[in-house]
C-alpha atoms as a PDB file:
ATOM      1  CA  MET A   1      74.712 -32.790  15.735  1.00  0.00           C
ATOM      2  CA  PRO A   2      75.289 -30.460  18.669  1.00  0.00           C
ATOM      3  CA  GLY A   3      73.476 -31.133  21.941  1.00  0.00           C
ATOM      4  CA  PRO A   4      71.064 -28.845  23.790  1.00  0.00           C
ATOM      5  CA  GLU A   5      73.875 -27.132  25.694  1.00  0.00           C
ATOM      6  CA  ALA A   6      75.659 -26.192  22.468  1.00  0.00           C
ATOM      7  CA  THR A   7      72.390 -24.779  21.033  1.00  0.00           C
ATOM      8  CA  LYS A   8      71.895 -22.549  24.112  1.00  0.00           C
ATOM      9  CA  ARG A   9      75.483 -21.289  23.827  1.00  0.00           C
ATOM     10  CA  ASN A  10      75.049 -20.522  20.119  1.00  0.00           C
ATOM     11  CA  LEU A  11      71.759 -18.646  20.779  1.00  0.00           C
ATOM     12  CA  ALA A  12      73.363 -16.609  23.517  1.00  0.00           C
ATOM     13  CA  ARG A  13      76.217 -15.528  21.197  1.00  0.00           C
ATOM     14  CA  SER A  14      74.043 -14.594  18.207  1.00  0.00           C
ATOM     15  CA  PRO A  15      71.273 -12.047  18.760  1.00  0.00           C
ATOM     16  CA  TRP A  16      69.888 -12.856  15.360  1.00  0.00           C
ATOM     17  CA  LEU A  17      69.410 -16.544  16.202  1.00  0.00           C
ATOM     18  CA  ALA A  18      67.888 -15.606  19.567  1.00  0.00           C
ATOM     19  CA  THR A  19      65.371 -13.321  17.885  1.00  0.00           C
ATOM     20  CA  LEU A  20      64.538 -16.005  15.354  1.00  0.00           C
ATOM     21  CA  ALA A  21      64.022 -18.595  18.071  1.00  0.00           C
ATOM     22  CA  CYS A  22      61.795 -16.179  19.994  1.00  0.00           C
ATOM     23  CA  LEU A  23      59.644 -15.495  16.938  1.00  0.00           C
ATOM     24  CA  ILE A  24      59.322 -19.199  16.133  1.00  0.00           C
ATOM     25  CA  GLY A  25      58.352 -19.924  19.721  1.00  0.00           C
ATOM     26  CA  LEU A  26      55.851 -17.071  19.686  1.00  0.00           C
ATOM     27  CA  ALA A  27      54.351 -18.255  16.405  1.00  0.00           C
ATOM     28  CA  CYS A  28      54.044 -21.816  17.676  1.00  0.00           C
ATOM     29  CA  ASN A  29      52.361 -20.701  20.904  1.00  0.00           C
ATOM     30  CA  THR A  30      49.954 -18.357  19.067  1.00  0.00           C
ATOM     31  CA  ALA A  31      48.990 -21.020  16.565  1.00  0.00           C
ATOM     32  CA  THR A  32      47.731 -23.278  19.335  1.00  0.00           C
ATOM     33  CA  LEU A  33      45.475 -20.609  20.824  1.00  0.00           C
ATOM     34  CA  ALA A  34      41.836 -20.649  19.839  1.00  0.00           C
ATOM     35  CA  PRO A  35      40.824 -17.678  17.740  1.00  0.00           C
ATOM     36  CA  THR A  36      38.918 -14.977  19.558  1.00  0.00           C
ATOM     37  CA  PRO A  37      35.256 -15.223  18.571  1.00  0.00           C
ATOM     38  CA  THR A  38      33.824 -12.145  16.929  1.00  0.00           C
ATOM     39  CA  ILE A  39      30.260 -11.113  17.521  1.00  0.00           C
ATOM     40  CA  PRO A  40      28.637 -10.081  14.292  1.00  0.00           C
ATOM     41  CA  SER A  41      27.162  -6.623  14.370  1.00  0.00           C
ATOM     42  CA  PRO A  42      23.400  -6.505  13.917  1.00  0.00           C
ATOM     43  CA  ILE A  43      22.169  -5.757  10.437  1.00  0.00           C
ATOM     44  CA  PRO A  44      21.131  -2.124  10.343  1.00  0.00           C
ATOM     45  CA  THR A  45      17.439  -1.733   9.776  1.00  0.00           C
ATOM     46  CA  THR A  46      15.690   1.182   8.235  1.00  0.00           C
ATOM     47  CA  PRO A  47      12.589   2.448   9.975  1.00  0.00           C
ATOM     48  CA  ALA A  48       9.266   1.614   8.366  1.00  0.00           C
ATOM     49  CA  PRO A  49       7.904   4.432   6.223  1.00  0.00           C
ATOM     50  CA  THR A  50       5.348   6.656   7.848  1.00  0.00           C
ATOM     51  CA  LEU A  51       2.010   6.430   6.106  1.00  0.00           C
ATOM     52  CA  VAL A  52       0.257   9.726   5.615  1.00  0.00           C
ATOM     53  CA  ALA A  53      -3.342   9.873   4.531  1.00  0.00           C
ATOM     54  CA  VAL A  54      -3.880  12.289   1.679  1.00  0.00           C
ATOM     55  CA  SER A  55      -7.380  13.434   1.003  1.00  0.00           C
ATOM     56  CA  THR A  56      -8.787  15.993  -1.410  1.00  0.00           C
ATOM     57  CA  GLY A  57     -12.082  16.396   0.406  1.00  0.00           C
ATOM     58  CA  ALA A  58     -11.331  15.642   4.075  1.00  0.00           C
ATOM     59  CA  THR A  59     -11.614  19.205   5.314  1.00  0.00           C
ATOM     60  CA  SER A  60     -14.927  19.809   3.559  1.00  0.00           C
ATOM     61  CA  GLY A  61     -16.618  16.564   4.699  1.00  0.00           C
ATOM     62  CA  LEU A  62     -16.919  15.274   1.124  1.00  0.00           C
ATOM     63  CA  ALA A  63     -16.124  11.682   0.185  1.00  0.00           C
ATOM     64  CA  THR A  64     -12.674  11.473  -1.384  1.00  0.00           C
ATOM     65  CA  PRO A  65     -12.507  10.193  -4.971  1.00  0.00           C
ATOM     66  CA  SER A  66     -10.595   6.983  -5.684  1.00  0.00           C
ATOM     67  CA  ALA A  67      -9.111   8.341  -8.929  1.00  0.00           C
ATOM     68  CA  GLN A  68      -9.276  11.227 -11.367  1.00  0.00           C
ATOM     69  CA  GLU A  69      -9.924   9.073 -14.462  1.00  0.00           C
ATOM     70  CA  PRO A  70     -12.468   6.214 -14.705  1.00  0.00           C
ATOM     71  CA  ALA A  71     -11.314   2.609 -15.155  1.00  0.00           C
ATOM     72  CA  ALA A  72     -14.392   1.788 -17.210  1.00  0.00           C
ATOM     73  CA  GLY A  73     -13.169   3.869 -20.150  1.00  0.00           C
ATOM     74  CA  ILE A  74     -15.492   6.321 -21.838  1.00  0.00           C
ATOM     75  CA  CYS A  75     -18.328   7.463 -19.622  1.00  0.00           C
ATOM     76  CA  GLY A  76     -21.512   9.053 -20.864  1.00  0.00           C
ATOM     77  CA  GLY A  77     -23.278  11.995 -19.285  1.00  0.00           C
ATOM     78  CA  PHE A  78     -26.870  12.424 -18.117  1.00  0.00           C
ATOM     79  CA  ASP A  79     -29.269  15.258 -18.849  1.00  0.00           C
ATOM     80  CA  GLY A  80     -31.777  16.216 -16.221  1.00  0.00           C
ATOM     81  CA  LEU A  81     -31.741  16.285 -12.446  1.00  0.00           C
ATOM     82  CA  VAL A  82     -31.686  12.503 -11.763  1.00  0.00           C
ATOM     83  CA  VAL A  83     -28.933  10.071 -12.762  1.00  0.00           C
ATOM     84  CA  GLU A  84     -30.287   6.498 -12.688  1.00  0.00           C
ATOM     85  CA  PHE A  85     -28.285   3.289 -12.399  1.00  0.00           C
ATOM     86  CA  ARG A  86     -29.912  -0.123 -12.842  1.00  0.00           C
ATOM     87  CA  ILE A  87     -28.069  -2.973 -11.181  1.00  0.00           C
ATOM     88  CA  GLU A  88     -28.588  -5.895 -13.564  1.00  0.00           C
ATOM     89  CA  PRO A  89     -27.454  -9.472 -12.752  1.00  0.00           C
ATOM     90  CA  GLY A  90     -23.643  -9.315 -12.794  1.00  0.00           C
ATOM     91  CA  ILE A  91     -23.330  -5.791 -14.235  1.00  0.00           C
ATOM     92  CA  PRO A  92     -24.526  -2.256 -13.614  1.00  0.00           C
ATOM     93  CA  TYR A  93     -26.142  -0.223 -16.367  1.00  0.00           C
ATOM     94  CA  PRO A  94     -24.507   2.049 -17.239  1.00  0.00           C
ATOM     95  CA  ARG A  95     -21.079   0.936 -15.995  1.00  0.00           C
ATOM     96  CA  CYS A  96     -19.864   4.530 -15.762  1.00  0.00           C
ATOM     97  CA  ALA A  97     -21.389   8.003 -15.875  1.00  0.00           C
ATOM     98  CA  VAL A  98     -20.157  11.571 -15.773  1.00  0.00           C
ATOM     99  CA  VAL A  99     -22.328  13.466 -13.301  1.00  0.00           C
ATOM    100  CA  LYS A 100     -22.683  17.110 -12.302  1.00  0.00           C
ATOM    101  CA  PRO A 101     -22.577  18.454  -8.725  1.00  0.00           C
ATOM    102  CA  ASP A 102     -26.273  19.476  -8.834  1.00  0.00           C
ATOM    103  CA  GLN A 103     -27.596  16.093 -10.046  1.00  0.00           C
ATOM    104  CA  GLN A 104     -29.058  13.382  -7.791  1.00  0.00           C
ATOM    105  CA  LEU A 105     -28.694   9.581  -7.687  1.00  0.00           C
ATOM    106  CA  LYS A 106     -31.353   6.922  -8.172  1.00  0.00           C
ATOM    107  CA  ILE A 107     -30.533   3.204  -8.003  1.00  0.00           C
ATOM    108  CA  THR A 108     -32.806   0.367  -9.148  1.00  0.00           C
ATOM    109  CA  ASN A 109     -32.261  -3.282  -8.203  1.00  0.00           C
ATOM    110  CA  ALA A 110     -33.003  -5.269 -11.374  1.00  0.00           C
ATOM    111  CA  THR A 111     -31.596  -8.513  -9.936  1.00  0.00           C
ATOM    112  CA  ASP A 112     -33.522 -11.345  -8.318  1.00  0.00           C
ATOM    113  CA  GLY A 113     -31.669 -10.964  -5.010  1.00  0.00           C
ATOM    114  CA  PRO A 114     -31.181  -8.275  -2.365  1.00  0.00           C
ATOM    115  CA  LEU A 115     -28.378  -5.700  -2.684  1.00  0.00           C
ATOM    116  CA  ASP A 116     -26.541  -3.485  -0.225  1.00  0.00           C
ATOM    117  CA  ILE A 117     -25.360  -0.218  -1.734  1.00  0.00           C
ATOM    118  CA  MET A 118     -23.018   2.463  -0.415  1.00  0.00           C
ATOM    119  CA  ILE A 119     -21.662   5.765  -1.683  1.00  0.00           C
ATOM    120  CA  GLY A 120     -20.197   8.579   0.394  1.00  0.00           C
ATOM    121  CA  THR A 121     -22.087   8.596   3.687  1.00  0.00           C
ATOM    122  CA  TYR A 122     -25.211   6.990   2.188  1.00  0.00           C
ATOM    123  CA  SER A 123     -26.145   3.315   2.277  1.00  0.00           C
ATOM    124  CA  ALA A 124     -29.273   1.272   1.668  1.00  0.00           C
ATOM    125  CA  HIS A 125     -30.556  -2.288   1.434  1.00  0.00           C
ATOM    126  CA  LEU A 126     -32.549  -2.926  -1.745  1.00  0.00           C
ATOM    127  CA  GLU A 127     -34.817  -5.902  -2.252  1.00  0.00           C
ATOM    128  CA  PRO A 128     -35.343  -7.187  -5.823  1.00  0.00           C
ATOM    129  CA  GLY A 129     -37.161  -4.546  -7.862  1.00  0.00           C
ATOM    130  CA  GLY A 130     -36.504  -1.918  -5.155  1.00  0.00           C
ATOM    131  CA  GLU A 131     -35.346   1.632  -5.769  1.00  0.00           C
ATOM    132  CA  TYR A 132     -33.323   4.080  -3.702  1.00  0.00           C
ATOM    133  CA  MET A 133     -33.116   7.815  -4.293  1.00  0.00           C
ATOM    134  CA  ILE A 134     -30.624  10.168  -2.667  1.00  0.00           C
ATOM    135  CA  ASP A 135     -32.255  13.597  -2.644  1.00  0.00           C
ATOM    136  CA  ALA A 136     -28.982  15.416  -1.915  1.00  0.00           C
ATOM    137  CA  PRO A 137     -27.008  16.599  -4.959  1.00  0.00           C
ATOM    138  CA  PHE A 138     -23.721  14.774  -5.672  1.00  0.00           C
ATOM    139  CA  GLY A 139     -21.737  17.938  -4.864  1.00  0.00           C
ATOM    140  CA  ASP A 140     -23.058  17.897  -1.280  1.00  0.00           C
ATOM    141  CA  TYR A 141     -21.407  14.574  -0.391  1.00  0.00           C
ATOM    142  CA  LEU A 142     -18.758  13.779  -3.045  1.00  0.00           C
ATOM    143  CA  ALA A 143     -15.569  15.630  -3.989  1.00  0.00           C
ATOM    144  CA  PRO A 144     -14.836  15.973  -7.727  1.00  0.00           C
ATOM    145  CA  GLY A 145     -13.283  12.840  -9.276  1.00  0.00           C
ATOM    146  CA  VAL A 146     -14.085   9.139  -9.680  1.00  0.00           C
ATOM    147  CA  HIS A 147     -16.286   7.433  -7.082  1.00  0.00           C
ATOM    148  CA  HIS A 148     -17.449   3.832  -6.950  1.00  0.00           C
ATOM    149  CA  LEU A 149     -21.033   2.988  -6.095  1.00  0.00           C
ATOM    150  CA  GLN A 150     -20.373  -0.053  -3.936  1.00  0.00           C
ATOM    151  CA  VAL A 151     -22.906  -2.785  -4.585  1.00  0.00           C
ATOM    152  CA  LEU A 152     -22.750  -5.975  -2.566  1.00  0.00           C
ATOM    153  CA  PRO A 153     -22.604  -8.780  -3.440  1.00  0.00           C
ATOM    154  CA  CYS A 154     -21.450  -7.603  -6.889  1.00  0.00           C
ATOM    155  CA  CYS A 155     -20.602  -5.048  -9.451  1.00  0.00           C
ATOM    156  CA  GLY A 156     -21.090  -1.359  -8.805  1.00  0.00           C
ATOM    157  CA  PRO A 157     -20.718   1.423 -11.375  1.00  0.00           C
ATOM    158  CA  GLU A 158     -18.310   4.352 -11.396  1.00  0.00           C
ATOM    159  CA  LEU A 159     -19.405   7.971 -11.157  1.00  0.00           C
ATOM    160  CA  VAL A 160     -17.159  10.742 -12.386  1.00  0.00           C
ATOM    161  CA  LEU A 161     -18.176  13.918 -10.595  1.00  0.00           C
ATOM    162  CA  GLU A 162     -17.251  16.992 -12.599  1.00  0.00           C
ATOM    163  CA  ASP A 163     -15.765  19.968 -10.855  1.00  0.00           C
ATOM    164  CA  ALA A 164     -18.417  22.681 -10.295  1.00  0.00           C
ATOM    165  CA  SER A 165     -16.373  25.085 -12.462  1.00  0.00           C
ATOM    166  CA  GLN A 166     -16.741  22.869 -15.564  1.00  0.00           C
END
């Protein structure tokens, strides 16, 4: 086996061996270096959607309907000027009614406890057996469509206000 001096002489005479030795030395030195840490890029986020309120009656001051079709199914109509709802224990009677813009609302508390009712801009507190009448026609405070008579603590009916042109 040749000694270190013979190896140096052989490397000096052969450019190919010198290049090979350089590459091996470079590879050995690089392998001992720690890898360069990479910083992960942040996950791109999309901006939150902008919520836009859409209202069919906002410019006219009318309460906006919650839907165009009632959830209660088939709703009956009322003849006459006054549409009356009786709030029975656990359920309103009727559960749903189709009303006209010129009709008015009357609510009767047929439960044995007090009720708070709200529709459009109107609200009232009714004791057991109490009644509340809104003298304004539906068309003065509700836009056409489905509205819920909110009754607390339970169970208000739906009103489907017809368009005045119907």
